Amino acid sequence: MRILLAEDDELLGSGIRAGLAQHGFQVDWVRDGVAAERELATGAYQAAVLDLGLPRQDGMEVLRQTRARRNTTPVLVLTARDAVPARIEGLDAGADDYLIKPIDLHELAARLRALVRRAHGQSDTCLTAGDVVLDPAAHQVLAHGQPVELSNREYDLLHALMLNAGRVLSREQLEQRLYEWGSEINSNAVEVHIYHLRRKLGAGLIETVRGVGYRIPRVQA
C-alpha cells in the first residue's frame, strides 16, 4: 500500500517511514502542509498520515481543503494536541482516525490497514478471491491453504486488485500503488508482475481487459 506521510519532525518522520516500510507500506514523506495538500490532490495514495503542526500550512487546513475537493483518501491525524476539543475538530474536519503522539508503530500500521479496508467496503480482515487468501496483517498469501512466496511488488499488486475486486485498474493506477517517489519503473513492470502472479496463483485469477487494464472478478454471494 502506498501511504503519504506529512510530518515535519525529521527524527519522528524517518522513524515512521522506516517502521511502516517494515509493515509492507510504500511511504512518500513530505514535511510541510503545502506539499501535503499537493500530494493528496493527486489521488495516488491509499491513505495518509497527517501531522497537524505542519509549517507553511497547518494540517487542519490541509484536511479541510482536501475534503472540500471531495477527495476521500482516508486520513489518520497524528498530533501532540491531545485535548478533546482538538480531536473533535479534527474528526469534524474530515479525519478518519486520530492518534496522539507518542505512537506505537504496530498500532499505526493496524489502523492504516483498517482505514484502507473500510474505504474499499471490506469488512473481513483477510481478502479472498477463489482459493487465494491475502492477510494484510501477516503480509501473507495462501493458495489452496498453502503459503505462497511473493515479492513485495507482487504482493502489493495482488493486494490492490483484491481490494478493488470487480473493478478494472489500469497500468498507470497500479504503478501509482506500487512505486514511491524516485522509483525507476520499467515500461513492462506491471505486466511482468502479473505474469508471475498468474504463474504462482493460477492463470484464471487475474483477468486482462484489453486496452483498459486488469481485474480480479468479484465473487457473487
C-alpha atoms as a PDB file:
ATOM      1  CA  MET A   1       0.000   0.000   0.000  1.00  0.00           C
ATOM      2  CA  ARG A   2       1.240   3.455  -0.865  1.00  0.00           C
ATOM      3  CA  ILE A   3       0.910   5.922   2.006  1.00  0.00           C
ATOM      4  CA  LEU A   4       1.546   9.673   2.267  1.00  0.00           C
ATOM      5  CA  LEU A   5       3.280  10.790   5.459  1.00  0.00           C
ATOM      6  CA  ALA A   6       3.141  14.511   6.317  1.00  0.00           C
ATOM      7  CA  GLU A   7       5.421  15.147   9.303  1.00  0.00           C
ATOM      8  CA  ASP A   8       7.940  17.964   9.808  1.00  0.00           C
ATOM      9  CA  ASP A   9       9.932  16.360  12.639  1.00  0.00           C
ATOM     10  CA  GLU A  10      12.912  14.687  10.943  1.00  0.00           C
ATOM     11  CA  LEU A  11      13.552  12.081  13.624  1.00  0.00           C
ATOM     12  CA  LEU A  12       9.907  11.101  14.009  1.00  0.00           C
ATOM     13  CA  GLY A  13       9.260  11.147  10.273  1.00  0.00           C
ATOM     14  CA  SER A  14      12.221   8.922   9.456  1.00  0.00           C
ATOM     15  CA  GLY A  15      11.183   6.516  12.220  1.00  0.00           C
ATOM     16  CA  ILE A  16       7.601   6.297  10.982  1.00  0.00           C
ATOM     17  CA  ARG A  17       8.684   5.799   7.383  1.00  0.00           C
ATOM     18  CA  ALA A  18      11.117   3.030   8.331  1.00  0.00           C
ATOM     19  CA  GLY A  19       8.595   1.385  10.658  1.00  0.00           C
ATOM     20  CA  LEU A  20       5.774   1.409   8.108  1.00  0.00           C
ATOM     21  CA  ALA A  21       8.141   0.056   5.456  1.00  0.00           C
ATOM     22  CA  GLN A  22       8.752  -2.937   7.723  1.00  0.00           C
ATOM     23  CA  HIS A  23       4.976  -3.489   7.734  1.00  0.00           C
ATOM     24  CA  GLY A  24       4.915  -3.543   3.928  1.00  0.00           C
ATOM     25  CA  PHE A  25       3.867   0.059   3.205  1.00  0.00           C
ATOM     26  CA  GLN A  26       5.342   2.237   0.464  1.00  0.00           C
ATOM     27  CA  VAL A  27       5.771   5.652   2.111  1.00  0.00           C
ATOM     28  CA  ASP A  28       6.217   9.061   0.481  1.00  0.00           C
ATOM     29  CA  TRP A  29       7.238  11.648   3.091  1.00  0.00           C
ATOM     30  CA  VAL A  30       6.550  15.394   2.904  1.00  0.00           C
ATOM     31  CA  ARG A  31       7.487  17.936   5.557  1.00  0.00           C
ATOM     32  CA  ASP A  32       5.045  20.832   5.126  1.00  0.00           C
ATOM     33  CA  GLY A  33       1.360  21.451   4.597  1.00  0.00           C
ATOM     34  CA  VAL A  34       1.621  22.877   1.085  1.00  0.00           C
ATOM     35  CA  ALA A  35       3.379  19.745  -0.144  1.00  0.00           C
ATOM     36  CA  ALA A  36       0.891  17.548   1.729  1.00  0.00           C
ATOM     37  CA  GLU A  37      -2.109  19.202   0.089  1.00  0.00           C
ATOM     38  CA  ARG A  38      -0.465  18.994  -3.335  1.00  0.00           C
ATOM     39  CA  GLU A  39       0.302  15.288  -2.982  1.00  0.00           C
ATOM     40  CA  LEU A  40      -3.126  14.406  -1.614  1.00  0.00           C
ATOM     41  CA  ALA A  41      -4.684  16.129  -4.630  1.00  0.00           C
ATOM     42  CA  THR A  42      -3.034  13.585  -6.941  1.00  0.00           C
ATOM     43  CA  GLY A  43      -5.233  10.792  -5.563  1.00  0.00           C
ATOM     44  CA  ALA A  44      -2.241   8.432  -5.709  1.00  0.00           C
ATOM     45  CA  TYR A  45      -2.396   7.304  -2.092  1.00  0.00           C
ATOM     46  CA  GLN A  46      -4.454   4.662  -0.349  1.00  0.00           C
ATOM     47  CA  ALA A  47      -4.192   6.529   2.952  1.00  0.00           C
ATOM     48  CA  ALA A  48      -2.377   9.453   4.573  1.00  0.00           C
ATOM     49  CA  VAL A  49      -0.813  10.131   7.965  1.00  0.00           C
ATOM     50  CA  LEU A  50      -1.155  13.853   8.632  1.00  0.00           C
ATOM     51  CA  ASP A  51       0.527  15.841  11.392  1.00  0.00           C
ATOM     52  CA  LEU A  52      -1.453  18.938  12.383  1.00  0.00           C
ATOM     53  CA  GLY A  53       1.514  21.135  13.329  1.00  0.00           C
ATOM     54  CA  LEU A  54       2.983  21.470   9.840  1.00  0.00           C
ATOM     55  CA  PRO A  55       4.882  24.520   8.575  1.00  0.00           C
ATOM     56  CA  ARG A  56       3.662  26.649   5.646  1.00  0.00           C
ATOM     57  CA  GLN A  57       0.115  25.332   6.068  1.00  0.00           C
ATOM     58  CA  ASP A  58      -1.484  23.832   9.155  1.00  0.00           C
ATOM     59  CA  GLY A  59      -2.551  20.209   8.876  1.00  0.00           C
ATOM     60  CA  MET A  60      -6.126  21.084   9.792  1.00  0.00           C
ATOM     61  CA  GLU A  61      -6.340  23.404   6.789  1.00  0.00           C
ATOM     62  CA  VAL A  62      -4.823  20.701   4.573  1.00  0.00           C
ATOM     63  CA  LEU A  63      -7.552  18.368   5.746  1.00  0.00           C
ATOM     64  CA  ARG A  64     -10.327  20.908   5.155  1.00  0.00           C
ATOM     65  CA  GLN A  65      -9.103  21.739   1.653  1.00  0.00           C
ATOM     66  CA  THR A  66      -8.717  18.062   0.784  1.00  0.00           C
ATOM     67  CA  ARG A  67     -12.270  17.277   1.826  1.00  0.00           C
ATOM     68  CA  ALA A  68     -13.579  20.427   0.100  1.00  0.00           C
ATOM     69  CA  ARG A  69     -12.314  18.919  -3.163  1.00  0.00           C
ATOM     70  CA  ARG A  70     -14.283  15.756  -2.322  1.00  0.00           C
ATOM     71  CA  ASN A  71     -11.076  13.792  -2.023  1.00  0.00           C
ATOM     72  CA  THR A  72     -11.970  10.703   0.011  1.00  0.00           C
ATOM     73  CA  THR A  73      -8.436   9.434   0.715  1.00  0.00           C
ATOM     74  CA  PRO A  74      -8.507   8.027   4.282  1.00  0.00           C
ATOM     75  CA  VAL A  75      -6.599  10.376   6.605  1.00  0.00           C
ATOM     76  CA  LEU A  76      -5.201   9.468  10.003  1.00  0.00           C
ATOM     77  CA  VAL A  77      -4.354  12.575  12.010  1.00  0.00           C
ATOM     78  CA  LEU A  78      -1.165  12.315  14.043  1.00  0.00           C
ATOM     79  CA  THR A  79      -0.623  15.073  16.592  1.00  0.00           C
ATOM     80  CA  ALA A  80       0.518  16.099  20.035  1.00  0.00           C
ATOM     81  CA  ARG A  81      -2.731  18.058  20.520  1.00  0.00           C
ATOM     82  CA  ASP A  82      -4.360  15.703  22.987  1.00  0.00           C
ATOM     83  CA  ALA A  83      -7.246  17.874  24.220  1.00  0.00           C
ATOM     84  CA  VAL A  84     -10.705  16.500  23.429  1.00  0.00           C
ATOM     85  CA  PRO A  85     -11.837  19.668  21.548  1.00  0.00           C
ATOM     86  CA  ALA A  86      -8.815  19.342  19.233  1.00  0.00           C
ATOM     87  CA  ARG A  87      -9.688  15.720  18.462  1.00  0.00           C
ATOM     88  CA  ILE A  88     -13.308  16.660  17.808  1.00  0.00           C
ATOM     89  CA  GLU A  89     -12.216  19.459  15.479  1.00  0.00           C
ATOM     90  CA  GLY A  90     -10.004  17.092  13.512  1.00  0.00           C
ATOM     91  CA  LEU A  91     -12.684  14.454  13.143  1.00  0.00           C
ATOM     92  CA  ASP A  92     -15.302  17.037  12.160  1.00  0.00           C
ATOM     93  CA  ALA A  93     -12.890  18.451   9.558  1.00  0.00           C
ATOM     94  CA  GLY A  94     -12.824  15.061   7.839  1.00  0.00           C
ATOM     95  CA  ALA A  95     -10.216  12.929   9.599  1.00  0.00           C
ATOM     96  CA  ASP A  96     -10.969   9.219   9.572  1.00  0.00           C
ATOM     97  CA  ASP A  97      -8.880   8.380  12.619  1.00  0.00           C
ATOM     98  CA  TYR A  98      -6.748  10.118  15.245  1.00  0.00           C
ATOM     99  CA  LEU A  99      -3.562   9.131  17.097  1.00  0.00           C
ATOM    100  CA  ILE A 100      -1.818  11.076  19.841  1.00  0.00           C
ATOM    101  CA  LYS A 101       1.983  11.233  19.952  1.00  0.00           C
ATOM    102  CA  PRO A 102       3.962   9.296  21.038  1.00  0.00           C
ATOM    103  CA  ILE A 103       2.693   6.428  18.940  1.00  0.00           C
ATOM    104  CA  ASP A 104       3.178   2.684  18.655  1.00  0.00           C
ATOM    105  CA  LEU A 105       4.127   1.764  15.080  1.00  0.00           C
ATOM    106  CA  HIS A 106       2.306  -1.566  15.249  1.00  0.00           C
ATOM    107  CA  GLU A 107      -0.903   0.258  16.191  1.00  0.00           C
ATOM    108  CA  LEU A 108      -0.365   2.850  13.453  1.00  0.00           C
ATOM    109  CA  ALA A 109       0.071   0.107  10.844  1.00  0.00           C
ATOM    110  CA  ALA A 110      -3.038  -1.710  12.075  1.00  0.00           C
ATOM    111  CA  ARG A 111      -5.113   1.468  11.990  1.00  0.00           C
ATOM    112  CA  LEU A 112      -3.961   2.228   8.440  1.00  0.00           C
ATOM    113  CA  ARG A 113      -4.884  -1.274   7.292  1.00  0.00           C
ATOM    114  CA  ALA A 114      -8.322  -0.827   8.867  1.00  0.00           C
ATOM    115  CA  LEU A 115      -8.820   2.561   7.184  1.00  0.00           C
ATOM    116  CA  VAL A 116      -7.941   1.181   3.760  1.00  0.00           C
ATOM    117  CA  ARG A 117     -10.139  -1.858   4.331  1.00  0.00           C
ATOM    118  CA  ARG A 118     -13.148   0.283   5.284  1.00  0.00           C
ATOM    119  CA  ALA A 119     -12.543   2.687   2.390  1.00  0.00           C
ATOM    120  CA  HIS A 120     -12.969  -0.245  -0.005  1.00  0.00           C
ATOM    121  CA  GLY A 121     -16.050  -1.613   1.740  1.00  0.00           C
ATOM    122  CA  GLN A 122     -14.228  -4.617   3.134  1.00  0.00           C
ATOM    123  CA  SER A 123     -15.420  -5.946   6.486  1.00  0.00           C
ATOM    124  CA  ASP A 124     -13.178  -9.020   6.720  1.00  0.00           C
ATOM    125  CA  THR A 125      -9.571  -8.613   7.784  1.00  0.00           C
ATOM    126  CA  CYS A 126      -8.477 -11.069   5.063  1.00  0.00           C
ATOM    127  CA  LEU A 127      -9.227 -10.722   1.351  1.00  0.00           C
ATOM    128  CA  THR A 128     -10.397 -13.749  -0.623  1.00  0.00           C
ATOM    129  CA  ALA A 129     -10.582 -14.479  -4.337  1.00  0.00           C
ATOM    130  CA  GLY A 130     -11.367 -18.085  -5.196  1.00  0.00           C
ATOM    131  CA  ASP A 131      -8.796 -20.252  -3.450  1.00  0.00           C
ATOM    132  CA  VAL A 132      -6.466 -17.306  -2.772  1.00  0.00           C
ATOM    133  CA  VAL A 133      -6.465 -15.593   0.623  1.00  0.00           C
ATOM    134  CA  LEU A 134      -4.451 -12.452   1.394  1.00  0.00           C
ATOM    135  CA  ASP A 135      -3.829 -11.498   5.032  1.00  0.00           C
ATOM    136  CA  PRO A 136      -2.631  -7.856   5.242  1.00  0.00           C
ATOM    137  CA  ALA A 137      -1.744  -8.079   8.946  1.00  0.00           C
ATOM    138  CA  ALA A 138       0.532 -11.076   8.419  1.00  0.00           C
ATOM    139  CA  HIS A 139       1.624  -9.869   4.963  1.00  0.00           C
ATOM    140  CA  GLN A 140       0.920 -13.416   3.756  1.00  0.00           C
ATOM    141  CA  VAL A 141      -0.812 -15.024   0.798  1.00  0.00           C
ATOM    142  CA  LEU A 142      -2.289 -18.533   0.794  1.00  0.00           C
ATOM    143  CA  ALA A 143      -3.365 -20.539  -2.249  1.00  0.00           C
ATOM    144  CA  HIS A 144      -5.357 -23.724  -1.608  1.00  0.00           C
ATOM    145  CA  GLY A 145      -4.419 -23.310   2.049  1.00  0.00           C
ATOM    146  CA  GLN A 146      -0.680 -23.235   1.384  1.00  0.00           C
ATOM    147  CA  PRO A 147       1.581 -20.177   1.762  1.00  0.00           C
ATOM    148  CA  VAL A 148       2.868 -18.675  -1.486  1.00  0.00           C
ATOM    149  CA  GLU A 149       6.063 -16.659  -1.613  1.00  0.00           C
ATOM    150  CA  LEU A 150       5.596 -13.345  -3.408  1.00  0.00           C
ATOM    151  CA  SER A 151       7.922 -10.408  -3.928  1.00  0.00           C
ATOM    152  CA  ASN A 152       6.886  -7.129  -2.294  1.00  0.00           C
ATOM    153  CA  ARG A 153       5.760  -5.743  -5.659  1.00  0.00           C
ATOM    154  CA  GLU A 154       3.758  -8.864  -6.472  1.00  0.00           C
ATOM    155  CA  TYR A 155       2.114  -8.732  -3.057  1.00  0.00           C
ATOM    156  CA  ASP A 156       1.232  -5.035  -3.403  1.00  0.00           C
ATOM    157  CA  LEU A 157      -0.200  -5.550  -6.884  1.00  0.00           C
ATOM    158  CA  LEU A 158      -2.305  -8.502  -5.742  1.00  0.00           C
ATOM    159  CA  HIS A 159      -3.487  -6.519  -2.709  1.00  0.00           C
ATOM    160  CA  ALA A 160      -4.559  -3.597  -4.918  1.00  0.00           C
ATOM    161  CA  LEU A 161      -6.504  -5.866  -7.259  1.00  0.00           C
ATOM    162  CA  MET A 162      -8.181  -7.788  -4.433  1.00  0.00           C
ATOM    163  CA  LEU A 163      -9.175  -4.588  -2.618  1.00  0.00           C
ATOM    164  CA  ASN A 164     -10.793  -3.426  -5.862  1.00  0.00           C
ATOM    165  CA  ALA A 165     -12.337  -6.769  -6.840  1.00  0.00           C
ATOM    166  CA  GLY A 166     -14.678  -6.339  -9.797  1.00  0.00           C
ATOM    167  CA  ARG A 167     -13.066  -3.057 -10.824  1.00  0.00           C
ATOM    168  CA  VAL A 168     -10.577  -2.670 -13.673  1.00  0.00           C
ATOM    169  CA  LEU A 169      -7.325  -0.969 -12.687  1.00  0.00           C
ATOM    170  CA  SER A 170      -5.160   0.494 -15.429  1.00  0.00           C
ATOM    171  CA  ARG A 171      -1.412   0.017 -15.599  1.00  0.00           C
ATOM    172  CA  GLU A 172      -0.960   3.625 -14.507  1.00  0.00           C
ATOM    173  CA  GLN A 173      -3.208   3.139 -11.469  1.00  0.00           C
ATOM    174  CA  LEU A 174      -1.303   0.017 -10.485  1.00  0.00           C
ATOM    175  CA  GLU A 175       2.036   1.782 -10.896  1.00  0.00           C
ATOM    176  CA  GLN A 176       0.805   4.510  -8.545  1.00  0.00           C
ATOM    177  CA  ARG A 177       0.097   1.904  -5.881  1.00  0.00           C
ATOM    178  CA  LEU A 178       3.364   0.025  -6.369  1.00  0.00           C
ATOM    179  CA  TYR A 179       6.049   2.683  -6.606  1.00  0.00           C
ATOM    180  CA  GLU A 180       7.017   5.546  -4.334  1.00  0.00           C
ATOM    181  CA  TRP A 181       8.827   8.702  -5.490  1.00  0.00           C
ATOM    182  CA  GLY A 182      12.060   8.283  -7.388  1.00  0.00           C
ATOM    183  CA  SER A 183      11.496   4.638  -8.249  1.00  0.00           C
ATOM    184  CA  GLU A 184      12.708   3.547 -11.643  1.00  0.00           C
ATOM    185  CA  ILE A 185       9.797   1.862 -13.407  1.00  0.00           C
ATOM    186  CA  ASN A 186      10.341  -0.369 -16.412  1.00  0.00           C
ATOM    187  CA  SER A 187       7.743   0.059 -19.125  1.00  0.00           C
ATOM    188  CA  ASN A 188       6.523  -3.536 -18.745  1.00  0.00           C
ATOM    189  CA  ALA A 189       6.936  -3.841 -14.964  1.00  0.00           C
ATOM    190  CA  VAL A 190       3.231  -4.343 -14.226  1.00  0.00           C
ATOM    191  CA  GLU A 191       2.893  -6.947 -16.965  1.00  0.00           C
ATOM    192  CA  VAL A 192       5.869  -8.881 -15.565  1.00  0.00           C
ATOM    193  CA  HIS A 193       4.358  -8.878 -12.066  1.00  0.00           C
ATOM    194  CA  ILE A 194       1.001 -10.034 -13.477  1.00  0.00           C
ATOM    195  CA  TYR A 195       2.760 -12.875 -15.299  1.00  0.00           C
ATOM    196  CA  HIS A 196       4.454 -14.061 -12.091  1.00  0.00           C
ATOM    197  CA  LEU A 197       1.225 -13.834 -10.087  1.00  0.00           C
ATOM    198  CA  ARG A 198      -0.619 -15.935 -12.643  1.00  0.00           C
ATOM    199  CA  ARG A 199       2.169 -18.496 -12.624  1.00  0.00           C
ATOM    200  CA  LYS A 200       2.147 -18.745  -8.826  1.00  0.00           C
ATOM    201  CA  LEU A 201      -1.592 -18.408  -8.142  1.00  0.00           C
ATOM    202  CA  GLY A 202      -3.321 -19.668 -11.282  1.00  0.00           C
ATOM    203  CA  ALA A 203      -3.836 -18.279 -14.755  1.00  0.00           C
ATOM    204  CA  GLY A 204      -7.533 -17.552 -14.191  1.00  0.00           C
ATOM    205  CA  LEU A 205      -7.191 -15.343 -11.117  1.00  0.00           C
ATOM    206  CA  ILE A 206      -6.429 -12.047 -12.875  1.00  0.00           C
ATOM    207  CA  GLU A 207      -8.335 -11.028 -15.999  1.00  0.00           C
ATOM    208  CA  THR A 208      -6.907  -8.793 -18.705  1.00  0.00           C
ATOM    209  CA  VAL A 209      -9.367  -6.227 -20.062  1.00  0.00           C
ATOM    210  CA  ARG A 210      -7.758  -5.319 -23.355  1.00  0.00           C
ATOM    211  CA  GLY A 211      -6.917  -1.660 -23.767  1.00  0.00           C
ATOM    212  CA  VAL A 212      -8.037  -0.893 -20.199  1.00  0.00           C
ATOM    213  CA  GLY A 213      -6.170  -2.866 -17.543  1.00  0.00           C
ATOM    214  CA  TYR A 214      -6.560  -5.767 -15.128  1.00  0.00           C
ATOM    215  CA  ARG A 215      -9.089  -7.012 -12.610  1.00  0.00           C
ATOM    216  CA  ILE A 216      -9.931  -9.805 -10.229  1.00  0.00           C
ATOM    217  CA  PRO A 217     -13.648 -10.627 -10.625  1.00  0.00           C
ATOM    218  CA  ARG A 218     -15.861 -10.023  -7.642  1.00  0.00           C
ATOM    219  CA  VAL A 219     -17.274 -13.250  -6.260  1.00  0.00           C
ATOM    220  CA  GLN A 220     -21.049 -13.135  -6.127  1.00  0.00           C
ATOM    221  CA  ALA A 221     -22.529 -14.121  -2.766  1.00  0.00           C
END
